[in-house]
């Protein structure tokens, strides 16, 4: 069955609400909204005036985990300061999920990962919204729902485990070890699938939204994030993260904006699009979709 991806060009709180409503999925109980709080100095992270009213309406809690790289978000205290500076605390509670440790969830389908490590607070939530910002990424080529579900949900040690393709949980060692680029891309797909499988087993729903604005070649995790290189595209939403990421990629490739070439080069130079067929092979979702404008 072909996945449906709902799309609007309207990048507003109302646009977010429209694509979410089109999914016709209820997020019960305590709702975790996984969104990047943005590294100190970054510019492209999703802003409070855009997502705040929508998240408030869901009674959602912003959920994050600490970074594996040295920076302003690799411990709870500093991370919360950045979340406050970036106005996330102005509209929701913010939970750094690995502040009190991590949980290990199994994964038996992978070539690289044997398990995934999530912030220990992950189990406190009854449902999730994976709210991603579509953009380029220095290491992964691009970041949207799959990256947000893999690196994003992972604890600090879990991030190191994914970056090292299953070789170490040490945030110091993971940057020293050498890996093939395709192995890293596949490791992200494996971690994202591990999260989806775990939630399915627990009977906890998750839905996916990607805001395609401020389209830089670098990520919100980059303190020196580049300026946008192309026009805003809109918002996509789906219950299928592979289809949603594929729709984002297809819109970049279909764009007539000359600046899109820089983003395409960033994505393909890092083998970024290879995450999609591998995630599909793992059973995370399907690349074929029907685009429904709302």
Protein backbone atom coordinates (compact mmCIF):
# COMPACT_ATOMS: atom_id res chain seq x y z
CA UNK A 1 0.00 0.00 0.00
CA UNK A 2 1.37 3.41 -1.02
CA UNK A 3 2.06 5.81 1.83
CA UNK A 4 0.33 9.18 1.89
CA UNK A 5 2.42 12.31 2.40
CA UNK A 6 0.44 15.45 3.18
CA UNK A 7 1.92 18.74 1.97
CA UNK A 8 1.34 22.43 2.40
CA UNK A 9 3.36 25.39 1.12
CA UNK A 10 2.12 27.36 4.14
CA UNK A 11 4.95 27.45 6.70
CA UNK A 12 2.88 28.78 9.60
CA UNK A 13 1.42 27.39 12.83
CA UNK A 14 -1.82 26.92 10.88
CA UNK A 15 0.02 25.00 8.18
CA UNK A 16 1.52 22.68 10.77
CA UNK A 17 -1.91 22.08 12.24
CA UNK A 18 -3.42 21.39 8.81
CA UNK A 19 -0.93 18.67 7.84
CA UNK A 20 -1.15 17.10 11.29
CA UNK A 21 -4.95 17.03 11.17
CA UNK A 22 -4.78 15.39 7.73
CA UNK A 23 -2.98 12.41 9.29
CA UNK A 24 -6.07 11.64 11.40
CA UNK A 25 -3.89 10.11 14.12
CA UNK A 26 -4.52 10.75 17.80
CA UNK A 27 -1.47 11.19 20.00
CA UNK A 28 -2.66 10.00 23.40
CA UNK A 29 -1.34 10.60 26.89
CA UNK A 30 1.98 12.30 27.44
CA UNK A 31 3.24 13.48 24.04
CA UNK A 32 6.97 13.78 23.35
CA UNK A 33 7.83 16.21 20.56
CA UNK A 34 11.30 15.40 19.23
CA UNK A 35 12.77 18.55 17.77
CA UNK A 36 16.33 19.85 17.62
CA UNK A 37 16.91 22.68 20.07
CA UNK A 38 19.75 23.88 17.81
CA UNK A 39 23.40 24.34 18.75
CA UNK A 40 24.36 27.66 20.32
CA UNK A 41 25.14 29.91 17.35
CA UNK A 42 22.99 28.00 14.85
CA UNK A 43 20.33 29.89 12.92
CA UNK A 44 18.05 27.42 11.19
CA UNK A 45 16.40 25.55 14.07
CA UNK A 46 12.60 25.62 14.17
CA UNK A 47 11.53 28.84 15.88
CA UNK A 48 9.11 29.28 18.78
CA UNK A 49 6.72 31.53 16.84
CA UNK A 50 6.30 28.80 14.22
CA UNK A 51 6.02 25.61 16.28
CA UNK A 52 5.00 26.99 19.70
CA UNK A 53 1.23 27.30 19.14
CA UNK A 54 1.10 23.85 17.52
CA UNK A 55 3.09 22.14 20.29
CA UNK A 56 0.97 23.88 22.93
CA UNK A 57 -2.15 22.55 21.26
CA UNK A 58 -0.78 19.01 21.55
CA UNK A 59 0.18 19.65 25.20
CA UNK A 60 3.53 18.32 24.07
CA UNK A 61 6.86 18.17 25.86
CA UNK A 62 9.99 19.01 23.86
CA UNK A 63 12.29 15.99 24.12
CA UNK A 64 16.00 16.02 23.35
CA UNK A 65 19.22 14.19 24.24
CA UNK A 66 22.71 15.50 24.80
CA UNK A 67 25.22 15.67 21.95
CA UNK A 68 28.21 13.38 21.50
CA UNK A 69 30.38 16.20 20.15
CA UNK A 70 31.90 18.90 22.39
CA UNK A 71 29.66 21.94 22.39
CA UNK A 72 27.00 23.82 24.31
CA UNK A 73 24.56 20.90 24.50
CA UNK A 74 26.62 17.91 25.67
CA UNK A 75 25.35 18.06 29.27
CA UNK A 76 21.94 18.74 30.75
CA UNK A 77 22.72 22.08 32.39
CA UNK A 78 24.23 23.72 29.31
CA UNK A 79 21.67 22.10 27.01
CA UNK A 80 18.79 23.57 29.02
CA UNK A 81 20.41 27.02 28.84
CA UNK A 82 20.51 26.79 25.03
CA UNK A 83 16.90 25.55 24.94
CA UNK A 84 15.92 28.59 26.99
CA UNK A 85 17.98 30.98 24.83
CA UNK A 86 16.27 29.54 21.74
CA UNK A 87 12.85 30.09 23.39
CA UNK A 88 11.77 26.43 23.58
CA UNK A 89 11.02 26.78 27.29
CA UNK A 90 8.67 29.68 26.49
CA UNK A 91 5.97 27.36 25.13
CA UNK A 92 6.65 23.87 26.53
CA UNK A 93 8.42 21.82 29.14
CA UNK A 94 11.81 20.65 27.87
CA UNK A 95 13.06 17.18 28.83
CA UNK A 96 16.70 16.22 28.23
CA UNK A 97 15.90 12.51 28.12
CA UNK A 98 19.37 11.17 28.92
CA UNK A 99 19.90 13.45 31.93
CA UNK A 100 19.46 10.41 34.18
CA UNK A 101 20.98 7.76 31.96
CA UNK A 102 19.86 5.59 29.09
CA UNK A 103 17.97 2.47 28.11
CA UNK A 104 19.14 -0.21 25.69
CA UNK A 105 16.65 -1.44 23.13
CA UNK A 106 17.38 -4.52 21.00
CA UNK A 107 17.94 -4.55 17.26
CA UNK A 108 18.55 -7.80 15.41
CA UNK A 109 18.07 -6.78 11.76
CA UNK A 110 21.20 -4.69 11.36
CA UNK A 111 24.63 -5.11 9.79
CA UNK A 112 26.21 -2.55 12.11
CA UNK A 113 24.17 -2.05 15.30
CA UNK A 114 23.18 -4.75 17.77
CA UNK A 115 21.03 -2.39 19.86
CA UNK A 116 20.16 1.28 20.27
CA UNK A 117 20.68 3.52 23.29
CA UNK A 118 17.94 6.02 24.08
CA UNK A 119 17.56 8.58 26.85
CA UNK A 120 16.05 6.83 29.88
CA UNK A 121 13.05 9.19 29.92
CA UNK A 122 11.93 7.84 26.54
CA UNK A 123 9.66 5.31 28.22
CA UNK A 124 7.85 8.11 30.11
CA UNK A 125 5.94 9.09 26.96
CA UNK A 126 2.79 7.53 25.50
CA UNK A 127 3.14 8.91 21.98
CA UNK A 128 5.56 10.95 19.89
CA UNK A 129 5.75 13.57 17.19
CA UNK A 130 8.98 13.50 15.19
CA UNK A 131 9.12 17.18 14.22
CA UNK A 132 12.13 17.66 11.98
CA UNK A 133 13.74 20.57 10.19
CA UNK A 134 14.75 19.58 6.66
CA UNK A 135 18.23 20.80 5.75
CA UNK A 136 21.68 19.60 4.74
CA UNK A 137 24.13 17.96 7.13
CA UNK A 138 27.92 17.97 7.27
CA UNK A 139 28.18 14.24 7.97
CA UNK A 140 24.88 12.67 6.90
CA UNK A 141 24.23 14.72 3.76
CA UNK A 142 20.78 15.76 4.93
CA UNK A 143 18.74 15.73 8.09
CA UNK A 144 14.99 15.20 8.33
CA UNK A 145 12.82 12.58 10.07
CA UNK A 146 15.22 9.62 9.79
CA UNK A 147 18.13 11.52 11.28
CA UNK A 148 15.87 13.01 13.94
CA UNK A 149 14.74 9.51 14.90
CA UNK A 150 18.22 7.98 14.95
CA UNK A 151 20.81 10.48 16.17
CA UNK A 152 18.08 12.64 17.73
CA UNK A 153 16.47 10.09 20.05
CA UNK A 154 19.81 8.49 20.95
CA UNK A 155 21.48 9.25 24.26
CA UNK A 156 24.93 10.84 24.22
CA UNK A 157 26.50 7.38 24.29
CA UNK A 158 23.95 6.18 21.76
CA UNK A 159 24.97 8.92 19.36
CA UNK A 160 28.58 7.77 19.69
CA UNK A 161 27.49 4.18 19.02
CA UNK A 162 25.68 5.21 15.81
CA UNK A 163 28.49 7.48 14.61
CA UNK A 164 31.03 4.70 15.14
CA UNK A 165 28.80 2.19 13.32
CA UNK A 166 28.51 0.02 16.42
CA UNK A 167 32.19 0.05 17.43
CA UNK A 168 32.12 2.19 20.60
CA UNK A 169 29.79 3.97 23.01
CA UNK A 170 32.48 6.47 23.95
CA UNK A 171 31.80 10.07 22.82
CA UNK A 172 35.57 10.63 22.80
CA UNK A 173 36.51 7.53 20.83
CA UNK A 174 33.76 7.72 18.22
CA UNK A 175 35.40 10.68 16.48
CA UNK A 176 38.78 8.92 16.31
CA UNK A 177 37.61 5.69 14.68
CA UNK A 178 37.47 5.56 10.89
CA UNK A 179 34.38 4.22 9.16
CA UNK A 180 33.10 3.91 5.63
CA UNK A 181 30.55 6.63 4.89
CA UNK A 182 27.93 4.15 3.71
CA UNK A 183 28.25 2.29 7.03
CA UNK A 184 27.39 5.47 8.94
CA UNK A 185 24.41 6.19 6.69
CA UNK A 186 23.16 2.62 7.20
CA UNK A 187 23.73 2.85 10.96
CA UNK A 188 21.40 5.84 11.12
CA UNK A 189 18.74 3.87 9.26
CA UNK A 190 19.18 0.97 11.68
CA UNK A 191 18.82 3.19 14.74
CA UNK A 192 15.70 4.87 13.33
CA UNK A 193 14.20 1.45 12.63
CA UNK A 194 15.04 0.25 16.13
CA UNK A 195 13.05 3.15 17.60
CA UNK A 196 10.05 2.51 15.32
CA UNK A 197 10.06 -1.22 16.11
CA UNK A 198 10.27 -0.56 19.84
CA UNK A 199 7.35 1.88 19.75
CA UNK A 200 5.27 -0.54 17.69
CA UNK A 201 5.93 -3.31 20.19
CA UNK A 202 4.81 -1.00 23.01
CA UNK A 203 1.72 0.11 21.07
CA UNK A 204 2.80 3.75 21.14
CA UNK A 205 2.04 5.87 18.04
CA UNK A 206 4.48 8.20 16.32
CA UNK A 207 3.88 10.59 13.42
CA UNK A 208 6.31 12.53 11.26
CA UNK A 209 6.43 16.16 10.15
CA UNK A 210 9.28 17.93 8.33
CA UNK A 211 9.42 21.70 7.96
CA UNK A 212 11.36 22.54 4.81
CA UNK A 213 12.50 26.11 5.47
CA UNK A 214 15.83 27.88 6.02
CA UNK A 215 17.37 25.27 3.72
CA UNK A 216 21.07 25.39 4.55
CA UNK A 217 23.72 22.88 3.50
CA UNK A 218 24.64 22.49 7.18
CA UNK A 219 22.71 21.32 10.20
CA UNK A 220 21.11 23.04 13.17
CA UNK A 221 23.73 21.19 15.24
CA UNK A 222 26.43 23.36 13.61
CA UNK A 223 27.36 26.43 15.66
CA UNK A 224 28.52 28.09 12.43
CA UNK A 225 25.54 27.02 10.34
CA UNK A 226 25.51 28.37 6.78
CA UNK A 227 22.81 30.69 5.51
CA UNK A 228 19.95 29.17 3.49
CA UNK A 229 20.92 28.34 -0.10
CA UNK A 230 17.45 28.01 -1.65
CA UNK A 231 13.79 28.93 -1.35
CA UNK A 232 11.53 27.46 1.33
CA UNK A 233 9.52 24.45 0.14
CA UNK A 234 6.74 23.92 2.69
CA UNK A 235 5.78 21.23 5.22
CA UNK A 236 5.28 17.48 4.74
CA UNK A 237 3.65 15.03 7.14
CA UNK A 238 3.14 11.27 7.13
CA UNK A 239 2.88 8.20 9.32
CA UNK A 240 5.76 6.81 7.21
CA UNK A 241 9.17 8.40 7.88
CA UNK A 242 10.80 6.94 4.76
CA UNK A 243 8.07 8.35 2.52
CA UNK A 244 8.28 11.71 4.28
CA UNK A 245 12.06 11.95 3.83
CA UNK A 246 11.72 10.80 0.21
CA UNK A 247 9.18 13.58 -0.42
CA UNK A 248 11.61 16.15 1.00
CA UNK A 249 14.42 14.85 -1.24
CA UNK A 250 12.15 14.79 -4.29
CA UNK A 251 11.13 18.41 -3.71
CA UNK A 252 14.76 19.51 -3.46
CA UNK A 253 15.59 17.69 -6.69
CA UNK A 254 12.52 19.12 -8.45
CA UNK A 255 13.25 22.70 -7.40
CA UNK A 256 14.15 25.20 -10.12
CA UNK A 257 15.99 27.38 -7.59
CA UNK A 258 19.69 27.55 -8.66
CA UNK A 259 20.68 27.29 -4.99
CA UNK A 260 19.28 23.78 -4.84
CA UNK A 261 22.44 22.55 -6.57
CA UNK A 262 24.51 23.31 -3.46
CA UNK A 263 22.15 21.29 -1.27
CA UNK A 264 22.08 18.41 -3.76
CA UNK A 265 25.88 18.37 -3.86
CA UNK A 266 26.05 18.26 -0.07
CA UNK A 267 23.55 15.39 0.08
CA UNK A 268 25.12 13.23 -2.62
CA UNK A 269 28.73 13.89 -1.59
CA UNK A 270 27.84 12.26 1.75
CA UNK A 271 25.75 9.44 0.18
CA UNK A 272 22.78 10.93 2.01
CA UNK A 273 20.09 9.49 -0.26
CA UNK A 274 21.33 5.96 0.41
CA UNK A 275 19.57 6.02 3.79
CA UNK A 276 16.22 5.71 2.01
CA UNK A 277 16.53 2.35 0.20
CA UNK A 278 18.28 0.82 3.21
CA UNK A 279 15.58 2.02 5.61
CA UNK A 280 12.98 0.59 3.22
CA UNK A 281 14.86 -2.74 3.14
CA UNK A 282 14.79 -2.80 6.96
CA UNK A 283 11.02 -2.40 6.89
CA UNK A 284 10.89 1.11 8.33
CA UNK A 285 8.70 2.42 5.51
CA UNK A 286 8.33 2.80 1.77
CA UNK A 287 9.84 5.23 -0.70
CA UNK A 288 6.76 5.18 -2.93
CA UNK A 289 4.14 7.69 -1.80
CA UNK A 290 1.14 9.71 -2.84
CA UNK A 291 1.52 13.45 -2.29
CA UNK A 292 -1.68 15.07 -1.05
CA UNK A 293 -1.74 18.87 -0.89
CA UNK A 294 -3.85 20.27 1.96
